[in-house]
Full PDB file with SEQRES, HELIX, SHEET, SSBOND, CRYST1, ORIGX, SCALE, CONECT and MASTER records, all heavy atoms in Angstrom:
SEQRES   1 A   31  GLU CYS ALA PRO ALA GLY ALA LEU ALA GLU ILE ASP VAL          
SEQRES   2 A   31  PRO PRO GLY VAL ARG ARG ASN ALA PRO VAL PHE ARG THR          
SEQRES   3 A   31  LEU ASP LYS LYS LEU                                          
CRYST1    1.000    1.000    1.000  90.00  90.00  90.00 P 1           1          
ORIGX1      1.000000  0.000000  0.000000        0.00000                         
ORIGX2      0.000000  1.000000  0.000000        0.00000                         
ORIGX3      0.000000  0.000000  1.000000        0.00000                         
SCALE1      1.000000  0.000000  0.000000        0.00000                         
SCALE2      0.000000  1.000000  0.000000        0.00000                         
SCALE3      0.000000  0.000000  1.000000        0.00000                         
ATOM      1  N   GLU A   1     158.631 181.547 183.523  1.00  0.00           N  
ATOM      2  CA  GLU A   1     158.891 180.280 182.840  1.00  0.00           C  
ATOM      3  C   GLU A   1     157.645 179.780 182.124  1.00  0.00           C  
ATOM      4  O   GLU A   1     157.733 179.038 181.157  1.00  0.00           O  
ATOM      5  CB  GLU A   1     159.364 179.216 183.846  1.00  0.00           C  
ATOM      6  CG  GLU A   1     160.791 179.395 184.308  1.00  0.00           C  
ATOM      7  CD  GLU A   1     161.796 179.238 183.164  1.00  0.00           C  
ATOM      8  OE1 GLU A   1     161.703 178.248 182.409  1.00  0.00           O  
ATOM      9  OE2 GLU A   1     162.652 180.128 183.009  1.00  0.00           O  
ATOM     10  N   CYS A   2     156.481 180.209 182.633  1.00  0.00           N  
ATOM     11  CA  CYS A   2     155.218 179.730 182.064  1.00  0.00           C  
ATOM     12  C   CYS A   2     154.203 180.878 182.069  1.00  0.00           C  
ATOM     13  O   CYS A   2     154.061 181.589 183.072  1.00  0.00           O  
ATOM     14  CB  CYS A   2     154.701 178.545 182.888  1.00  0.00           C  
ATOM     15  SG  CYS A   2     153.083 177.950 182.376  1.00  0.00           S  
ATOM     16  N   ALA A   3     153.512 181.059 180.929  1.00  0.00           N  
ATOM     17  CA  ALA A   3     152.471 182.092 180.819  1.00  0.00           C  
ATOM     18  C   ALA A   3     151.120 181.408 180.662  1.00  0.00           C  
ATOM     19  O   ALA A   3     150.971 180.522 179.815  1.00  0.00           O  
ATOM     20  CB  ALA A   3     152.749 182.996 179.627  1.00  0.00           C  
ATOM     21  N   PRO A   4     150.112 181.785 181.451  1.00  0.00           N  
ATOM     22  CA  PRO A   4     148.815 181.105 181.398  1.00  0.00           C  
ATOM     23  C   PRO A   4     147.982 181.539 180.195  1.00  0.00           C  
ATOM     24  O   PRO A   4     148.244 182.572 179.560  1.00  0.00           O  
ATOM     25  CB  PRO A   4     148.148 181.549 182.703  1.00  0.00           C  
ATOM     26  CG  PRO A   4     148.738 182.897 182.967  1.00  0.00           C  
ATOM     27  CD  PRO A   4     150.155 182.833 182.485  1.00  0.00           C  
ATOM     28  N   ALA A   5     146.956 180.745 179.876  1.00  0.00           N  
ATOM     29  CA  ALA A   5     146.013 181.103 178.813  1.00  0.00           C  
ATOM     30  C   ALA A   5     145.372 182.445 179.142  1.00  0.00           C  
ATOM     31  O   ALA A   5     145.063 182.747 180.297  1.00  0.00           O  
ATOM     32  CB  ALA A   5     144.946 180.027 178.684  1.00  0.00           C  
ATOM     33  N   GLY A   6     145.198 183.300 178.125  1.00  0.00           N  
ATOM     34  CA  GLY A   6     144.604 184.621 178.305  1.00  0.00           C  
ATOM     35  C   GLY A   6     145.623 185.714 178.515  1.00  0.00           C  
ATOM     36  O   GLY A   6     145.300 186.894 178.404  1.00  0.00           O  
ATOM     37  N   ALA A   7     146.872 185.337 178.830  1.00  0.00           N  
ATOM     38  CA  ALA A   7     147.902 186.349 179.087  1.00  0.00           C  
ATOM     39  C   ALA A   7     148.407 186.947 177.781  1.00  0.00           C  
ATOM     40  O   ALA A   7     148.294 186.361 176.704  1.00  0.00           O  
ATOM     41  CB  ALA A   7     149.065 185.717 179.857  1.00  0.00           C  
ATOM     42  N   LEU A   8     148.990 188.137 177.873  1.00  0.00           N  
ATOM     43  CA  LEU A   8     149.677 188.763 176.742  1.00  0.00           C  
ATOM     44  C   LEU A   8     151.165 188.563 176.982  1.00  0.00           C  
ATOM     45  O   LEU A   8     151.762 189.236 177.821  1.00  0.00           O  
ATOM     46  CB  LEU A   8     149.333 190.259 176.662  1.00  0.00           C  
ATOM     47  CG  LEU A   8     149.791 190.980 175.385  1.00  0.00           C  
ATOM     48  CD1 LEU A   8     149.087 190.430 174.159  1.00  0.00           C  
ATOM     49  CD2 LEU A   8     149.539 192.482 175.512  1.00  0.00           C  
ATOM     50  N   ALA A   9     151.741 187.602 176.268  1.00  0.00           N  
ATOM     51  CA  ALA A   9     153.141 187.230 176.507  1.00  0.00           C  
ATOM     52  C   ALA A   9     154.041 187.835 175.441  1.00  0.00           C  
ATOM     53  O   ALA A   9     153.705 187.835 174.256  1.00  0.00           O  
ATOM     54  CB  ALA A   9     153.278 185.712 176.498  1.00  0.00           C  
ATOM     55  N   GLU A  10     155.197 188.317 175.872  1.00  0.00           N  
ATOM     56  CA  GLU A  10     156.155 188.901 174.936  1.00  0.00           C  
ATOM     57  C   GLU A  10     157.316 187.933 174.748  1.00  0.00           C  
ATOM     58  O   GLU A  10     157.883 187.409 175.714  1.00  0.00           O  
ATOM     59  CB  GLU A  10     156.668 190.235 175.479  1.00  0.00           C  
ATOM     60  CG  GLU A  10     157.500 191.021 174.458  1.00  0.00           C  
ATOM     61  CD  GLU A  10     157.922 192.374 174.998  1.00  0.00           C  
ATOM     62  OE1 GLU A  10     157.110 193.013 175.696  1.00  0.00           O  
ATOM     63  OE2 GLU A  10     159.076 192.768 174.716  1.00  0.00           O  
ATOM     64  N   ILE A  11     157.678 187.657 173.470  1.00  0.00           N  
ATOM     65  CA  ILE A  11     158.766 186.725 173.165  1.00  0.00           C  
ATOM     66  C   ILE A  11     159.620 187.285 172.030  1.00  0.00           C  
ATOM     67  O   ILE A  11     159.223 188.203 171.333  1.00  0.00           O  
ATOM     68  CB  ILE A  11     158.236 185.327 172.744  1.00  0.00           C  
ATOM     69  CG1 ILE A  11     157.486 185.426 171.401  1.00  0.00           C  
ATOM     70  CG2 ILE A  11     157.347 184.718 173.811  1.00  0.00           C  
ATOM     71  CD1 ILE A  11     157.234 184.073 170.754  1.00  0.00           C  
ATOM     72  N   ASP A  12     160.812 186.677 171.847  1.00  0.00           N  
ATOM     73  CA  ASP A  12     161.649 186.978 170.686  1.00  0.00           C  
ATOM     74  C   ASP A  12     161.071 186.244 169.480  1.00  0.00           C  
ATOM     75  O   ASP A  12     160.638 185.092 169.588  1.00  0.00           O  
ATOM     76  CB  ASP A  12     163.089 186.505 170.915  1.00  0.00           C  
ATOM     77  CG  ASP A  12     163.778 187.290 172.009  1.00  0.00           C  
ATOM     78  OD1 ASP A  12     163.578 188.513 172.076  1.00  0.00           O  
ATOM     79  OD2 ASP A  12     164.502 186.672 172.823  1.00  0.00           O  
ATOM     80  N   VAL A  13     161.057 186.907 168.305  1.00  0.00           N  
ATOM     81  CA  VAL A  13     160.525 186.272 167.092  1.00  0.00           C  
ATOM     82  C   VAL A  13     161.542 186.382 165.959  1.00  0.00           C  
ATOM     83  O   VAL A  13     162.376 187.295 165.954  1.00  0.00           O  
ATOM     84  CB  VAL A  13     159.193 186.926 166.652  1.00  0.00           C  
ATOM     85  CG1 VAL A  13     158.106 186.654 167.669  1.00  0.00           C  
ATOM     86  CG2 VAL A  13     159.359 188.422 166.409  1.00  0.00           C  
ATOM     87  N   PRO A  14     161.490 185.458 164.993  1.00  0.00           N  
ATOM     88  CA  PRO A  14     162.427 185.514 163.862  1.00  0.00           C  
ATOM     89  C   PRO A  14     162.063 186.642 162.912  1.00  0.00           C  
ATOM     90  O   PRO A  14     160.945 187.167 162.957  1.00  0.00           O  
ATOM     91  CB  PRO A  14     162.244 184.146 163.201  1.00  0.00           C  
ATOM     92  CG  PRO A  14     160.884 183.700 163.598  1.00  0.00           C  
ATOM     93  CD  PRO A  14     160.627 184.274 164.954  1.00  0.00           C  
ATOM     94  N   PRO A  15     162.960 187.010 162.002  1.00  0.00           N  
ATOM     95  CA  PRO A  15     162.672 188.082 161.033  1.00  0.00           C  
ATOM     96  C   PRO A  15     161.500 187.720 160.131  1.00  0.00           C  
ATOM     97  O   PRO A  15     161.271 186.545 159.827  1.00  0.00           O  
ATOM     98  CB  PRO A  15     163.972 188.181 160.216  1.00  0.00           C  
ATOM     99  CG  PRO A  15     165.015 187.539 161.060  1.00  0.00           C  
ATOM    100  CD  PRO A  15     164.331 186.497 161.874  1.00  0.00           C  
ATOM    101  N   GLY A  16     160.766 188.738 159.708  1.00  0.00           N  
ATOM    102  CA  GLY A  16     159.687 188.530 158.745  1.00  0.00           C  
ATOM    103  C   GLY A  16     158.317 188.338 159.348  1.00  0.00           C  
ATOM    104  O   GLY A  16     157.317 188.344 158.632  1.00  0.00           O  
ATOM    105  N   VAL A  17     158.217 188.145 160.673  1.00  0.00           N  
ATOM    106  CA  VAL A  17     156.909 187.955 161.305  1.00  0.00           C  
ATOM    107  C   VAL A  17     156.207 189.311 161.423  1.00  0.00           C  
ATOM    108  O   VAL A  17     156.815 190.297 161.862  1.00  0.00           O  
ATOM    109  CB  VAL A  17     157.064 187.310 162.698  1.00  0.00           C  
ATOM    110  CG1 VAL A  17     155.721 187.232 163.408  1.00  0.00           C  
ATOM    111  CG2 VAL A  17     157.665 185.922 162.558  1.00  0.00           C  
ATOM    112  N   ARG A  18     154.939 189.345 161.041  1.00  0.00           N  
ATOM    113  CA  ARG A  18     154.204 190.613 161.039  1.00  0.00           C  
ATOM    114  C   ARG A  18     153.032 190.577 162.005  1.00  0.00           C  
ATOM    115  O   ARG A  18     152.633 189.518 162.495  1.00  0.00           O  
ATOM    116  CB  ARG A  18     153.697 190.905 159.616  1.00  0.00           C  
ATOM    117  CG  ARG A  18     154.821 191.087 158.614  1.00  0.00           C  
ATOM    118  CD  ARG A  18     154.274 191.376 157.234  1.00  0.00           C  
ATOM    119  NE  ARG A  18     155.336 191.476 156.243  1.00  0.00           N  
ATOM    120  CZ  ARG A  18     155.131 191.636 154.953  1.00  0.00           C  
ATOM    121  NH1 ARG A  18     153.885 191.714 154.487  1.00  0.00           N  
ATOM    122  NH2 ARG A  18     156.144 191.714 154.114  1.00  0.00           N  
ATOM    123  N   ARG A  19     152.477 191.726 162.210  1.00  0.00           N  
ATOM    124  CA  ARG A  19     151.337 191.896 163.112  1.00  0.00           C  
ATOM    125  C   ARG A  19     150.174 191.012 162.649  1.00  0.00           C  
ATOM    126  O   ARG A  19     149.921 190.826 161.471  1.00  0.00           O  
ATOM    127  CB  ARG A  19     150.921 193.363 163.091  1.00  0.00           C  
ATOM    128  CG  ARG A  19     149.835 193.731 164.085  1.00  0.00           C  
ATOM    129  CD  ARG A  19     149.505 195.224 163.920  1.00  0.00           C  
ATOM    130  NE  ARG A  19     148.499 195.643 164.867  1.00  0.00           N  
ATOM    131  CZ  ARG A  19     148.754 196.082 166.085  1.00  0.00           C  
ATOM    132  NH1 ARG A  19     150.002 196.150 166.500  1.00  0.00           N  
ATOM    133  NH2 ARG A  19     147.787 196.466 166.900  1.00  0.00           N  
ATOM    134  N   ASN A  20     149.449 190.444 163.622  1.00  0.00           N  
ATOM    135  CA  ASN A  20     148.241 189.625 163.411  1.00  0.00           C  
ATOM    136  C   ASN A  20     148.511 188.272 162.765  1.00  0.00           C  
ATOM    137  O   ASN A  20     147.587 187.609 162.292  1.00  0.00           O  
ATOM    138  CB  ASN A  20     147.192 190.376 162.581  1.00  0.00           C  
ATOM    139  CG  ASN A  20     146.676 191.614 163.287  1.00  0.00           C  
ATOM    140  OD1 ASN A  20     146.536 191.601 164.523  1.00  0.00           O  
ATOM    141  ND2 ASN A  20     146.434 192.671 162.542  1.00  0.00           N  
ATOM    142  N   ALA A  21     149.776 187.823 162.738  1.00  0.00           N  
ATOM    143  CA  ALA A  21     150.067 186.482 162.198  1.00  0.00           C  
ATOM    144  C   ALA A  21     149.557 185.424 163.175  1.00  0.00           C  
ATOM    145  O   ALA A  21     149.818 185.510 164.380  1.00  0.00           O  
ATOM    146  CB  ALA A  21     151.570 186.313 161.998  1.00  0.00           C  
ATOM    147  N   PRO A  22     148.812 184.410 162.700  1.00  0.00           N  
ATOM    148  CA  PRO A  22     148.405 183.312 163.587  1.00  0.00           C  
ATOM    149  C   PRO A  22     149.630 182.533 164.079  1.00  0.00           C  
ATOM    150  O   PRO A  22     150.603 182.371 163.338  1.00  0.00           O  
ATOM    151  CB  PRO A  22     147.529 182.426 162.686  1.00  0.00           C  
ATOM    152  CG  PRO A  22     147.165 183.287 161.523  1.00  0.00           C  
ATOM    153  CD  PRO A  22     148.299 184.239 161.342  1.00  0.00           C  
ATOM    154  N   VAL A  23     149.571 182.077 165.338  1.00  0.00           N  
ATOM    155  CA  VAL A  23     150.702 181.364 165.941  1.00  0.00           C  
ATOM    156  C   VAL A  23     150.232 179.983 166.412  1.00  0.00           C  
ATOM    157  O   VAL A  23     149.213 179.877 167.102  1.00  0.00           O  
ATOM    158  CB  VAL A  23     151.289 182.140 167.139  1.00  0.00           C  
ATOM    159  CG1 VAL A  23     152.579 181.495 167.610  1.00  0.00           C  
ATOM    160  CG2 VAL A  23     151.512 183.595 166.792  1.00  0.00           C  
ATOM    161  N   PHE A  24     150.991 178.956 166.031  1.00  0.00           N  
ATOM    162  CA  PHE A  24     150.664 177.586 166.438  1.00  0.00           C  
ATOM    163  C   PHE A  24     151.825 176.997 167.223  1.00  0.00           C  
ATOM    164  O   PHE A  24     152.987 177.257 166.920  1.00  0.00           O  
ATOM    165  CB  PHE A  24     150.380 176.711 165.211  1.00  0.00           C  
ATOM    166  CG  PHE A  24     149.161 177.125 164.447  1.00  0.00           C  
ATOM    167  CD1 PHE A  24     149.251 178.063 163.426  1.00  0.00           C  
ATOM    168  CD2 PHE A  24     147.923 176.584 164.756  1.00  0.00           C  
ATOM    169  CE1 PHE A  24     148.122 178.463 162.722  1.00  0.00           C  
ATOM    170  CE2 PHE A  24     146.793 176.972 164.058  1.00  0.00           C  
ATOM    171  CZ  PHE A  24     146.894 177.913 163.042  1.00  0.00           C  
ATOM    172  N   ARG A  25     151.485 176.184 168.215  1.00  0.00           N  
ATOM    173  CA  ARG A  25     152.536 175.480 168.953  1.00  0.00           C  
ATOM    174  C   ARG A  25     152.880 174.203 168.200  1.00  0.00           C  
ATOM    175  O   ARG A  25     152.014 173.399 167.886  1.00  0.00           O  
ATOM    176  CB  ARG A  25     152.074 175.149 170.370  1.00  0.00           C  
ATOM    177  CG  ARG A  25     153.135 174.341 171.138  1.00  0.00           C  
ATOM    178  CD  ARG A  25     152.979 174.380 172.632  1.00  0.00           C  
ATOM    179  NE  ARG A  25     151.609 174.120 173.043  1.00  0.00           N  
ATOM    180  CZ  ARG A  25     151.090 174.502 174.207  1.00  0.00           C  
ATOM    181  NH1 ARG A  25     151.817 175.185 175.049  1.00  0.00           N  
ATOM    182  NH2 ARG A  25     149.847 174.212 174.515  1.00  0.00           N  
ATOM    183  N   THR A  26     154.161 174.004 167.906  1.00  0.00           N  
ATOM    184  CA  THR A  26     154.610 172.809 167.188  1.00  0.00           C  
ATOM    185  C   THR A  26     155.326 171.825 168.103  1.00  0.00           C  
ATOM    186  O   THR A  26     155.532 170.679 167.722  1.00  0.00           O  
ATOM    187  CB  THR A  26     155.564 173.200 166.051  1.00  0.00           C  
ATOM    188  OG1 THR A  26     156.651 173.975 166.594  1.00  0.00           O  
ATOM    189  CG2 THR A  26     154.840 174.017 164.990  1.00  0.00           C  
ATOM    190  N   LEU A  27     155.724 172.264 169.312  1.00  0.00           N  
ATOM    191  CA  LEU A  27     156.356 171.356 170.278  1.00  0.00           C  
ATOM    192  C   LEU A  27     155.967 171.789 171.676  1.00  0.00           C  
ATOM    193  O   LEU A  27     156.120 172.964 172.035  1.00  0.00           O  
ATOM    194  CB  LEU A  27     157.884 171.374 170.118  1.00  0.00           C  
ATOM    195  CG  LEU A  27     158.635 170.376 171.012  1.00  0.00           C  
ATOM    196  CD1 LEU A  27     159.788 169.743 170.254  1.00  0.00           C  
ATOM    197  CD2 LEU A  27     159.156 171.038 172.292  1.00  0.00           C  
ATOM    198  N   ASP A  28     155.423 170.837 172.449  1.00  0.00           N  
ATOM    199  CA  ASP A  28     155.004 171.094 173.825  1.00  0.00           C  
ATOM    200  C   ASP A  28     156.067 170.512 174.755  1.00  0.00           C  
ATOM    201  O   ASP A  28     156.164 169.293 174.914  1.00  0.00           O  
ATOM    202  CB  ASP A  28     153.640 170.443 174.069  1.00  0.00           C  
ATOM    203  CG  ASP A  28     153.043 170.834 175.413  1.00  0.00           C  
ATOM    204  OD1 ASP A  28     153.821 170.977 176.377  1.00  0.00           O  
ATOM    205  OD2 ASP A  28     151.811 170.959 175.505  1.00  0.00           O  
ATOM    206  N   LYS A  29     156.881 171.364 175.355  1.00  0.00           N  
ATOM    207  CA  LYS A  29     157.990 170.897 176.177  1.00  0.00           C  
ATOM    208  C   LYS A  29     157.497 170.048 177.357  1.00  0.00           C  
ATOM    209  O   LYS A  29     158.061 168.998 177.662  1.00  0.00           O  
ATOM    210  CB  LYS A  29     158.785 172.094 176.696  1.00  0.00           C  
ATOM    211  CG  LYS A  29     160.001 171.696 177.525  1.00  0.00           C  
ATOM    212  CD  LYS A  29     160.701 172.907 178.113  1.00  0.00           C  
ATOM    213  CE  LYS A  29     161.872 172.475 178.991  1.00  0.00           C  
ATOM    214  NZ  LYS A  29     162.494 173.635 179.670  1.00  0.00           N  
ATOM    215  N   LYS A  30     156.427 170.498 178.008  1.00  0.00           N  
ATOM    216  CA  LYS A  30     155.907 169.762 179.158  1.00  0.00           C  
ATOM    217  C   LYS A  30     155.437 168.365 178.757  1.00  0.00           C  
ATOM    218  O   LYS A  30     155.706 167.373 179.442  1.00  0.00           O  
ATOM    219  CB  LYS A  30     154.747 170.549 179.782  1.00  0.00           C  
ATOM    220  CG  LYS A  30     154.161 169.911 181.028  1.00  0.00           C  
ATOM    221  CD  LYS A  30     153.027 170.777 181.575  1.00  0.00           C  
ATOM    222  CE  LYS A  30     152.398 170.127 182.821  1.00  0.00           C  
ATOM    223  NZ  LYS A  30     151.275 170.935 183.331  1.00  0.00           N  
ATOM    224  N   LEU A  31     154.746 168.293 177.629  1.00  0.00           N  
ATOM    225  CA  LEU A  31     154.255 167.001 177.150  1.00  0.00           C  
ATOM    226  C   LEU A  31     155.412 166.074 176.791  1.00  0.00           C  
ATOM    227  O   LEU A  31     155.385 164.873 177.088  1.00  0.00           O  
ATOM    228  CB  LEU A  31     153.350 167.215 175.938  1.00  0.00           C  
ATOM    229  CG  LEU A  31     152.706 165.967 175.333  1.00  0.00           C  
ATOM    230  CD1 LEU A  31     151.787 165.279 176.336  1.00  0.00           C  
ATOM    231  CD2 LEU A  31     151.935 166.330 174.075  1.00  0.00           C  
TER     232      LEU A  31                                                      
MASTER        0    0    0    0    0    0    0    6  231    1    0    3          
END                                                                             
């Protein structure tokens, strides 16, 4: 349910995302 900082997490991604794309969090569920 939760992956800590430093982990290598695997997730589903939408079409068109490529290797080395920067990722930003836009919504923090816990917050």
